[in-house]
PDB file of N, CA and C in Angstrom:
ATOM      1  N   MET A   1     -13.184  20.376 -12.272  1.00  0.00           N
ATOM      2  CA  MET A   1     -11.658  20.828 -11.958  1.00  0.00           C
ATOM      3  C   MET A   1     -11.113  19.014 -11.209  1.00  0.00           C
ATOM      4  N   ARG A   2      -9.835  18.310 -11.028  1.00  0.00           N
ATOM      5  CA  ARG A   2      -9.258  17.360 -10.985  1.00  0.00           C
ATOM      6  C   ARG A   2      -8.232  17.462 -10.367  1.00  0.00           C
ATOM      7  N   ILE A   3      -7.505  16.499  -9.154  1.00  0.00           N
ATOM      8  CA  ILE A   3      -5.873  16.429  -9.151  1.00  0.00           C
ATOM      9  C   ILE A   3      -5.738  15.177  -9.936  1.00  0.00           C
ATOM     10  N   VAL A   4      -4.495  15.850 -10.081  1.00  0.00           N
ATOM     11  CA  VAL A   4      -3.320  14.883 -11.177  1.00  0.00           C
ATOM     12  C   VAL A   4      -1.905  14.878 -10.276  1.00  0.00           C
ATOM     13  N   MET A   5      -1.834  13.517 -10.078  1.00  0.00           N
ATOM     14  CA  MET A   5      -0.284  13.893  -9.507  1.00  0.00           C
ATOM     15  C   MET A   5       0.828  14.009 -10.641  1.00  0.00           C
ATOM     16  N   ARG A   6       1.477  14.247 -10.395  1.00  0.00           N
ATOM     17  CA  ARG A   6       3.314  14.781 -10.650  1.00  0.00           C
ATOM     18  C   ARG A   6       4.425  14.446 -10.884  1.00  0.00           C
ATOM     19  N   LEU A   7       4.171  13.294  -9.593  1.00  0.00           N
ATOM     20  CA  LEU A   7       5.079  12.479  -8.778  1.00  0.00           C
ATOM     21  C   LEU A   7       6.159  12.104  -9.565  1.00  0.00           C
ATOM     22  N   ASP A   8       5.402  11.181 -10.810  1.00  0.00           N
ATOM     23  CA  ASP A   8       6.747  11.013 -11.961  1.00  0.00           C
ATOM     24  C   ASP A   8       7.213  11.996 -12.586  1.00  0.00           C
ATOM     25  N   ARG A   9       6.629  13.174 -13.091  1.00  0.00           N
ATOM     26  CA  ARG A   9       7.791  13.826 -13.283  1.00  0.00           C
ATOM     27  C   ARG A   9       9.070  14.220 -12.372  1.00  0.00           C
ATOM     28  N   VAL A  10       8.336  14.378 -11.267  1.00  0.00           N
ATOM     29  CA  VAL A  10       8.949  14.651  -9.936  1.00  0.00           C
ATOM     30  C   VAL A  10      10.349  13.835  -9.953  1.00  0.00           C
ATOM     31  N   MET A  11      10.399  12.881  -9.921  1.00  0.00           N
ATOM     32  CA  MET A  11      11.383  11.683  -9.485  1.00  0.00           C
ATOM     33  C   MET A  11      12.029  11.654 -10.472  1.00  0.00           C
ATOM     34  N   ALA A  12      11.262  12.195 -12.290  1.00  0.00           N
ATOM     35  CA  ALA A  12      12.752  11.966 -13.172  1.00  0.00           C
ATOM     36  C   ALA A  12      13.162  12.863 -13.505  1.00  0.00           C
ATOM     37  N   ASP A  13      12.682  13.850 -12.831  1.00  0.00           N
ATOM     38  CA  ASP A  13      13.635  15.420 -13.071  1.00  0.00           C
ATOM     39  C   ASP A  13      14.774  15.531 -12.228  1.00  0.00           C
ATOM     40  N   ARG A  14      14.334  14.738 -10.616  1.00  0.00           N
ATOM     41  CA  ARG A  14      15.965  14.090  -9.657  1.00  0.00           C
ATOM     42  C   ARG A  14      16.615  12.819  -9.826  1.00  0.00           C
ATOM     43  N   LYS A  15      16.058  12.233 -10.806  1.00  0.00           N
ATOM     44  CA  LYS A  15      16.577  11.190 -11.420  1.00  0.00           C
ATOM     45  C   LYS A  15      16.552   9.939  -9.901  1.00  0.00           C
ATOM     46  N   VAL A  16      15.367   9.901  -9.289  1.00  0.00           N
ATOM     47  CA  VAL A  16      15.316   8.773  -8.009  1.00  0.00           C
ATOM     48  C   VAL A  16      14.518   8.189  -9.075  1.00  0.00           C
ATOM     49  N   THR A  17      14.199   6.595  -8.154  1.00  0.00           N
ATOM     50  CA  THR A  17      13.488   5.288  -8.620  1.00  0.00           C
ATOM     51  C   THR A  17      12.693   5.385  -7.990  1.00  0.00           C
ATOM     52  N   SER A  18      11.456   4.432  -8.471  1.00  0.00           N
ATOM     53  CA  SER A  18      10.684   3.967  -7.305  1.00  0.00           C
ATOM     54  C   SER A  18      11.015   3.733  -6.704  1.00  0.00           C
ATOM     55  N   ILE A  19      11.659   2.732  -6.462  1.00  0.00           N
ATOM     56  CA  ILE A  19      12.288   1.428  -5.280  1.00  0.00           C
ATOM     57  C   ILE A  19      13.689   2.243  -4.467  1.00  0.00           C
ATOM     58  N   ASP A  20      13.589   3.094  -5.223  1.00  0.00           N
ATOM     59  CA  ASP A  20      15.032   4.263  -4.308  1.00  0.00           C
ATOM     60  C   ASP A  20      14.119   5.082  -2.772  1.00  0.00           C
ATOM     61  N   LEU A  21      12.727   5.185  -3.542  1.00  0.00           N
ATOM     62  CA  LEU A  21      12.411   6.602  -3.234  1.00  0.00           C
ATOM     63  C   LEU A  21      11.352   5.848  -1.726  1.00  0.00           C
ATOM     64  N   ALA A  22      10.326   4.361  -2.191  1.00  0.00           N
ATOM     65  CA  ALA A  22       9.807   3.251  -1.363  1.00  0.00           C
ATOM     66  C   ALA A  22      10.668   3.164  -0.125  1.00  0.00           C
ATOM     67  N   LYS A  23      11.972   3.305  -0.550  1.00  0.00           N
ATOM     68  CA  LYS A  23      12.935   3.129   0.637  1.00  0.00           C
ATOM     69  C   LYS A  23      13.517   4.080   0.975  1.00  0.00           C
ATOM     70  N   LYS A  24      13.341   5.466   0.604  1.00  0.00           N
ATOM     71  CA  LYS A  24      13.601   6.233   1.420  1.00  0.00           C
ATOM     72  C   LYS A  24      12.755   6.692   2.473  1.00  0.00           C
ATOM     73  N   ILE A  25      11.506   6.500   1.804  1.00  0.00           N
ATOM     74  CA  ILE A  25      10.277   7.415   2.977  1.00  0.00           C
ATOM     75  C   ILE A  25      10.074   5.482   3.228  1.00  0.00           C
ATOM     76  N   GLY A  26       9.811   4.646   3.306  1.00  0.00           N
ATOM     77  CA  GLY A  26       9.466   3.691   4.181  1.00  0.00           C
ATOM     78  C   GLY A  26       7.720   3.042   4.163  1.00  0.00           C
ATOM     79  N   ILE A  27       7.797   2.851   2.310  1.00  0.00           N
ATOM     80  CA  ILE A  27       6.532   2.688   2.214  1.00  0.00           C
ATOM     81  C   ILE A  27       6.962   1.679   0.719  1.00  0.00           C
ATOM     82  N   SER A  28       5.926   0.527   0.880  1.00  0.00           N
ATOM     83  CA  SER A  28       5.931  -0.363  -0.649  1.00  0.00           C
ATOM     84  C   SER A  28       6.230   0.447  -1.766  1.00  0.00           C
ATOM     85  N   PRO A  29       6.981  -0.260  -2.478  1.00  0.00           N
ATOM     86  CA  PRO A  29       7.133   0.062  -4.131  1.00  0.00           C
ATOM     87  C   PRO A  29       5.317  -0.087  -4.049  1.00  0.00           C
ATOM     88  N   VAL A  30       4.384  -0.676  -4.341  1.00  0.00           N
ATOM     89  CA  VAL A  30       2.963  -0.943  -4.543  1.00  0.00           C
ATOM     90  C   VAL A  30       2.522   0.235  -4.182  1.00  0.00           C
ATOM     91  N   ASN A  31       2.204   0.501  -3.353  1.00  0.00           N
ATOM     92  CA  ASN A  31       2.130   1.524  -2.791  1.00  0.00           C
ATOM     93  C   ASN A  31       2.664   3.235  -2.956  1.00  0.00           C
ATOM     94  N   LEU A  32       3.423   2.872  -3.607  1.00  0.00           N
ATOM     95  CA  LEU A  32       4.391   4.433  -4.858  1.00  0.00           C
ATOM     96  C   LEU A  32       3.822   4.636  -4.989  1.00  0.00           C
ATOM     97  N   SER A  33       3.440   3.312  -6.334  1.00  0.00           N
ATOM     98  CA  SER A  33       2.814   2.868  -6.925  1.00  0.00           C
ATOM     99  C   SER A  33       1.573   3.855  -7.539  1.00  0.00           C
ATOM    100  N   ARG A  34       0.932   3.360  -6.909  1.00  0.00           N
ATOM    101  CA  ARG A  34      -0.820   3.278  -6.320  1.00  0.00           C
ATOM    102  C   ARG A  34      -0.553   5.038  -6.213  1.00  0.00           C
ATOM    103  N   ILE A  35      -0.055   5.753  -5.407  1.00  0.00           N
ATOM    104  CA  ILE A  35       0.234   7.189  -5.272  1.00  0.00           C
ATOM    105  C   ILE A  35       0.733   7.791  -6.649  1.00  0.00           C
ATOM    106  N   LYS A  36       1.582   7.528  -6.718  1.00  0.00           N
ATOM    107  CA  LYS A  36       2.144   7.771  -9.283  1.00  0.00           C
ATOM    108  C   LYS A  36       0.505   8.220  -9.380  1.00  0.00           C
ATOM    109  N   THR A  37       0.075   6.964  -9.931  1.00  0.00           N
ATOM    110  CA  THR A  37      -1.010   6.894 -10.652  1.00  0.00           C
ATOM    111  C   THR A  37      -2.271   7.293 -10.070  1.00  0.00           C
ATOM    112  N   GLY A  38      -2.039   7.394  -8.973  1.00  0.00           N
ATOM    113  CA  GLY A  38      -3.902   8.660  -8.865  1.00  0.00           C
ATOM    114  C   GLY A  38      -4.480   7.203  -8.521  1.00  0.00           C
ATOM    115  N   LYS A  39      -4.174   6.449  -7.910  1.00  0.00           N
ATOM    116  CA  LYS A  39      -5.347   4.988  -8.104  1.00  0.00           C
ATOM    117  C   LYS A  39      -5.223   4.689  -6.205  1.00  0.00           C
ATOM    118  N   ILE A  40      -5.964   6.090  -5.192  1.00  0.00           N
ATOM    119  CA  ILE A  40      -5.558   6.018  -4.352  1.00  0.00           C
ATOM    120  C   ILE A  40      -6.366   6.787  -4.049  1.00  0.00           C
ATOM    121  N   LYS A  41      -7.416   6.971  -2.323  1.00  0.00           N
ATOM    122  CA  LYS A  41      -8.367   8.115  -2.027  1.00  0.00           C
ATOM    123  C   LYS A  41      -7.891   9.305  -1.788  1.00  0.00           C
ATOM    124  N   GLY A  42      -6.863   8.641  -0.657  1.00  0.00           N
ATOM    125  CA  GLY A  42      -6.147   9.318   0.219  1.00  0.00           C
ATOM    126  C   GLY A  42      -4.510   9.321   0.171  1.00  0.00           C
ATOM    127  N   ILE A  43      -3.651  10.867   0.972  1.00  0.00           N
ATOM    128  CA  ILE A  43      -2.234  10.123   1.217  1.00  0.00           C
ATOM    129  C   ILE A  43      -2.671  10.857   2.602  1.00  0.00           C
ATOM    130  N   ARG A  44      -1.819  10.140   3.633  1.00  0.00           N
ATOM    131  CA  ARG A  44      -1.523  11.032   4.605  1.00  0.00           C
ATOM    132  C   ARG A  44      -0.537  12.044   4.735  1.00  0.00           C
ATOM    133  N   TRP A  45      -0.685  12.300   5.334  1.00  0.00           N
ATOM    134  CA  TRP A  45       0.128  13.601   5.899  1.00  0.00           C
ATOM    135  C   TRP A  45       1.829  13.734   5.539  1.00  0.00           C
ATOM    136  N   SER A  46       2.051  12.445   6.719  1.00  0.00           N
ATOM    137  CA  SER A  46       3.379  11.815   6.894  1.00  0.00           C
ATOM    138  C   SER A  46       3.941  11.670   5.233  1.00  0.00           C
ATOM    139  N   THR A  47       3.208  10.714   4.968  1.00  0.00           N
ATOM    140  CA  THR A  47       3.465   9.866   3.200  1.00  0.00           C
ATOM    141  C   THR A  47       4.574  11.240   2.682  1.00  0.00           C
ATOM    142  N   LEU A  48       3.625  12.502   2.571  1.00  0.00           N
ATOM    143  CA  LEU A  48       3.653  13.384   1.747  1.00  0.00           C
ATOM    144  C   LEU A  48       4.565  14.171   2.224  1.00  0.00           C
ATOM    145  N   SER A  49       4.870  14.255   3.484  1.00  0.00           N
ATOM    146  CA  SER A  49       5.798  15.074   3.357  1.00  0.00           C
ATOM    147  C   SER A  49       6.786  14.036   3.664  1.00  0.00           C
ATOM    148  N   ALA A  50       7.309  12.837   3.705  1.00  0.00           N
ATOM    149  CA  ALA A  50       8.783  12.371   3.250  1.00  0.00           C
ATOM    150  C   ALA A  50       8.599  12.085   2.227  1.00  0.00           C
ATOM    151  N   ILE A  51       7.356  12.249   1.115  1.00  0.00           N
ATOM    152  CA  ILE A  51       8.131  12.314  -0.252  1.00  0.00           C
ATOM    153  C   ILE A  51       8.501  13.839  -0.612  1.00  0.00           C
ATOM    154  N   CYS A  52       8.525  14.878   0.061  1.00  0.00           N
ATOM    155  CA  CYS A  52       9.000  16.390  -0.227  1.00  0.00           C
ATOM    156  C   CYS A  52       9.748  16.545   0.513  1.00  0.00           C
ATOM    157  N   THR A  53      10.205  15.955   1.470  1.00  0.00           N
ATOM    158  CA  THR A  53      11.170  15.980   2.049  1.00  0.00           C
ATOM    159  C   THR A  53      12.651  15.077   1.580  1.00  0.00           C
ATOM    160  N   ALA A  54      12.040  13.893   0.969  1.00  0.00           N
ATOM    161  CA  ALA A  54      13.041  12.779   0.217  1.00  0.00           C
ATOM    162  C   ALA A  54      13.140  13.475  -1.663  1.00  0.00           C
ATOM    163  N   LEU A  55      12.275  14.636  -1.659  1.00  0.00           N
ATOM    164  CA  LEU A  55      12.783  14.825  -3.147  1.00  0.00           C
ATOM    165  C   LEU A  55      12.879  16.169  -3.679  1.00  0.00           C
ATOM    166  N   HIS A  56      13.051  16.740  -2.232  1.00  0.00           N
ATOM    167  CA  HIS A  56      13.229  18.514  -1.900  1.00  0.00           C
ATOM    168  C   HIS A  56      12.410  19.781  -2.447  1.00  0.00           C
ATOM    169  N   CYS A  57      11.182  18.235  -2.418  1.00  0.00           N
ATOM    170  CA  CYS A  57      10.068  19.228  -3.200  1.00  0.00           C
ATOM    171  C   CYS A  57       9.073  20.244  -2.042  1.00  0.00           C
ATOM    172  N   LYS A  58       8.050  20.431  -3.163  1.00  0.00           N
ATOM    173  CA  LYS A  58       6.895  21.144  -2.309  1.00  0.00           C
ATOM    174  C   LYS A  58       5.462  20.305  -2.943  1.00  0.00           C
ATOM    175  N   PRO A  59       4.805  20.074  -1.714  1.00  0.00           N
ATOM    176  CA  PRO A  59       3.445  19.681  -2.042  1.00  0.00           C
ATOM    177  C   PRO A  59       2.827  19.715  -3.291  1.00  0.00           C
ATOM    178  N   GLY A  60       3.123  20.997  -4.356  1.00  0.00           N
ATOM    179  CA  GLY A  60       2.218  21.788  -5.212  1.00  0.00           C
ATOM    180  C   GLY A  60       3.114  20.810  -6.525  1.00  0.00           C
ATOM    181  N   ASP A  61       4.151  20.752  -5.941  1.00  0.00           N
ATOM    182  CA  ASP A  61       5.241  20.435  -7.332  1.00  0.00           C
ATOM    183  C   ASP A  61       4.758  18.408  -7.550  1.00  0.00           C
ATOM    184  N   ILE A  62       4.480  18.042  -7.058  1.00  0.00           N
ATOM    185  CA  ILE A  62       4.153  17.064  -7.189  1.00  0.00           C
ATOM    186  C   ILE A  62       2.224  16.604  -6.885  1.00  0.00           C
ATOM    187  N   ILE A  63       1.423  17.324  -6.658  1.00  0.00           N
ATOM    188  CA  ILE A  63       0.470  17.256  -6.994  1.00  0.00           C
ATOM    189  C   ILE A  63      -0.508  19.257  -7.781  1.00  0.00           C
ATOM    190  N   ASP A  64      -2.036  19.285  -8.123  1.00  0.00           N
ATOM    191  CA  ASP A  64      -1.749  19.894  -8.757  1.00  0.00           C
ATOM    192  C   ASP A  64      -3.403  19.823  -9.030  1.00  0.00           C
ATOM    193  N   PHE A  65      -3.942  20.316  -9.413  1.00  0.00           N
ATOM    194  CA  PHE A  65      -5.356  20.964  -9.600  1.00  0.00           C
ATOM    195  C   PHE A  65      -6.103  21.293 -10.785  1.00  0.00           C
ATOM    196  N   VAL A  66      -6.409  21.183 -11.479  1.00  0.00           N
ATOM    197  CA  VAL A  66      -6.557  21.580 -12.956  1.00  0.00           C
ATOM    198  C   VAL A  66      -7.915  21.079 -13.389  1.00  0.00           C
ATOM    199  N   THR A  67      -7.404  22.143 -14.806  1.00  0.00           N
ATOM    200  CA  THR A  67      -9.639  21.631 -14.726  1.00  0.00           C
ATOM    201  C   THR A  67      -9.500  20.096 -15.198  1.00  0.00           C
ATOM    202  N   ASP A  68     -11.216  20.185 -16.295  1.00  0.00           N
ATOM    203  CA  ASP A  68     -11.127  18.854 -16.538  1.00  0.00           C
ATOM    204  C   ASP A  68     -10.798  18.095 -17.813  1.00  0.00           C
ATOM    205  N   ASP A  69     -10.827  19.326 -19.011  1.00  0.00           N
ATOM    206  CA  ASP A  69     -10.194  19.785 -20.334  1.00  0.00           C
ATOM    207  C   ASP A  69      -7.822  19.371 -19.919  1.00  0.00           C
ATOM    208  N   GLU A  70      -8.338  20.380 -19.064  1.00  0.00           N
ATOM    209  CA  GLU A  70      -6.274  19.749 -18.950  1.00  0.00           C
ATOM    210  C   GLU A  70      -6.105  18.904 -18.520  1.00  0.00           C
ATOM    211  N   ALA A  71      -6.513  17.901 -17.706  1.00  0.00           N
ATOM    212  CA  ALA A  71      -6.289  16.865 -17.215  1.00  0.00           C
ATOM    213  C   ALA A  71      -6.922  15.369 -18.368  1.00  0.00           C
ATOM    214  N   GLY A  72      -7.888  15.963 -19.379  1.00  0.00           N
ATOM    215  CA  GLY A  72      -8.127  15.429 -20.662  1.00  0.00           C
ATOM    216  C   GLY A  72      -7.118  15.126 -20.993  1.00  0.00           C
ATOM    217  N   GLN A  73      -6.037  16.209 -21.585  1.00  0.00           N
ATOM    218  CA  GLN A  73      -4.935  16.764 -22.422  1.00  0.00           C
ATOM    219  C   GLN A  73      -4.156  15.765 -22.051  1.00  0.00           C
ATOM    220  N   LEU A  74      -3.817  15.864 -20.926  1.00  0.00           N
ATOM    221  CA  LEU A  74      -2.230  15.421 -19.424  1.00  0.00           C
ATOM    222  C   LEU A  74      -2.644  13.491 -19.943  1.00  0.00           C
ATOM    223  N   GLY A  75      -3.647  12.952 -20.000  1.00  0.00           N
ATOM    224  CA  GLY A  75      -3.818  11.513 -19.921  1.00  0.00           C
ATOM    225  C   GLY A  75      -4.296  11.189 -18.193  1.00  0.00           C
ATOM    226  N   GLN A  76      -4.528  12.166 -17.723  1.00  0.00           N
ATOM    227  CA  GLN A  76      -4.732  11.529 -16.158  1.00  0.00           C
ATOM    228  C   GLN A  76      -6.569  12.266 -15.259  1.00  0.00           C
ATOM    229  N   LEU A  77      -6.717  11.230 -15.873  1.00  0.00           N
ATOM    230  CA  LEU A  77      -8.237  11.887 -14.933  1.00  0.00           C
ATOM    231  C   LEU A  77      -8.352  11.120 -14.053  1.00  0.00           C
ATOM    232  N   TYR A  78      -7.811  11.679 -13.073  1.00  0.00           N
ATOM    233  CA  TYR A  78      -7.966  11.140 -11.494  1.00  0.00           C
ATOM    234  C   TYR A  78      -8.631  11.791 -10.814  1.00  0.00           C
ATOM    235  N   ASP A  79      -9.967  11.301  -9.476  1.00  0.00           N
ATOM    236  CA  ASP A  79     -10.800  11.657  -9.367  1.00  0.00           C
ATOM    237  C   ASP A  79     -10.130  12.876  -8.040  1.00  0.00           C
ATOM    238  N   GLU A  80     -10.747  13.043  -7.207  1.00  0.00           N
ATOM    239  CA  GLU A  80     -10.650  14.115  -6.224  1.00  0.00           C
ATOM    240  C   GLU A  80     -11.392  13.278  -4.674  1.00  0.00           C
TER     241      GLU A  80
END
């Protein structure tokens, strides 16, 4: 099983740019990019909450837990 980030999809659905979201939640665009690509070891609850508040979504809308096969099909192989 793998954790995959779907933040980019939610942002696209809501027509929110990375720069705009980073400003709204108070983090750098570089750190937001790391979150979007799954190149992080963890995420603070306060950051996750700020993202969900800004995008009017639930954590499960941007983070998913899928099988290795599903993750491979998505091209998003992120370790837990």
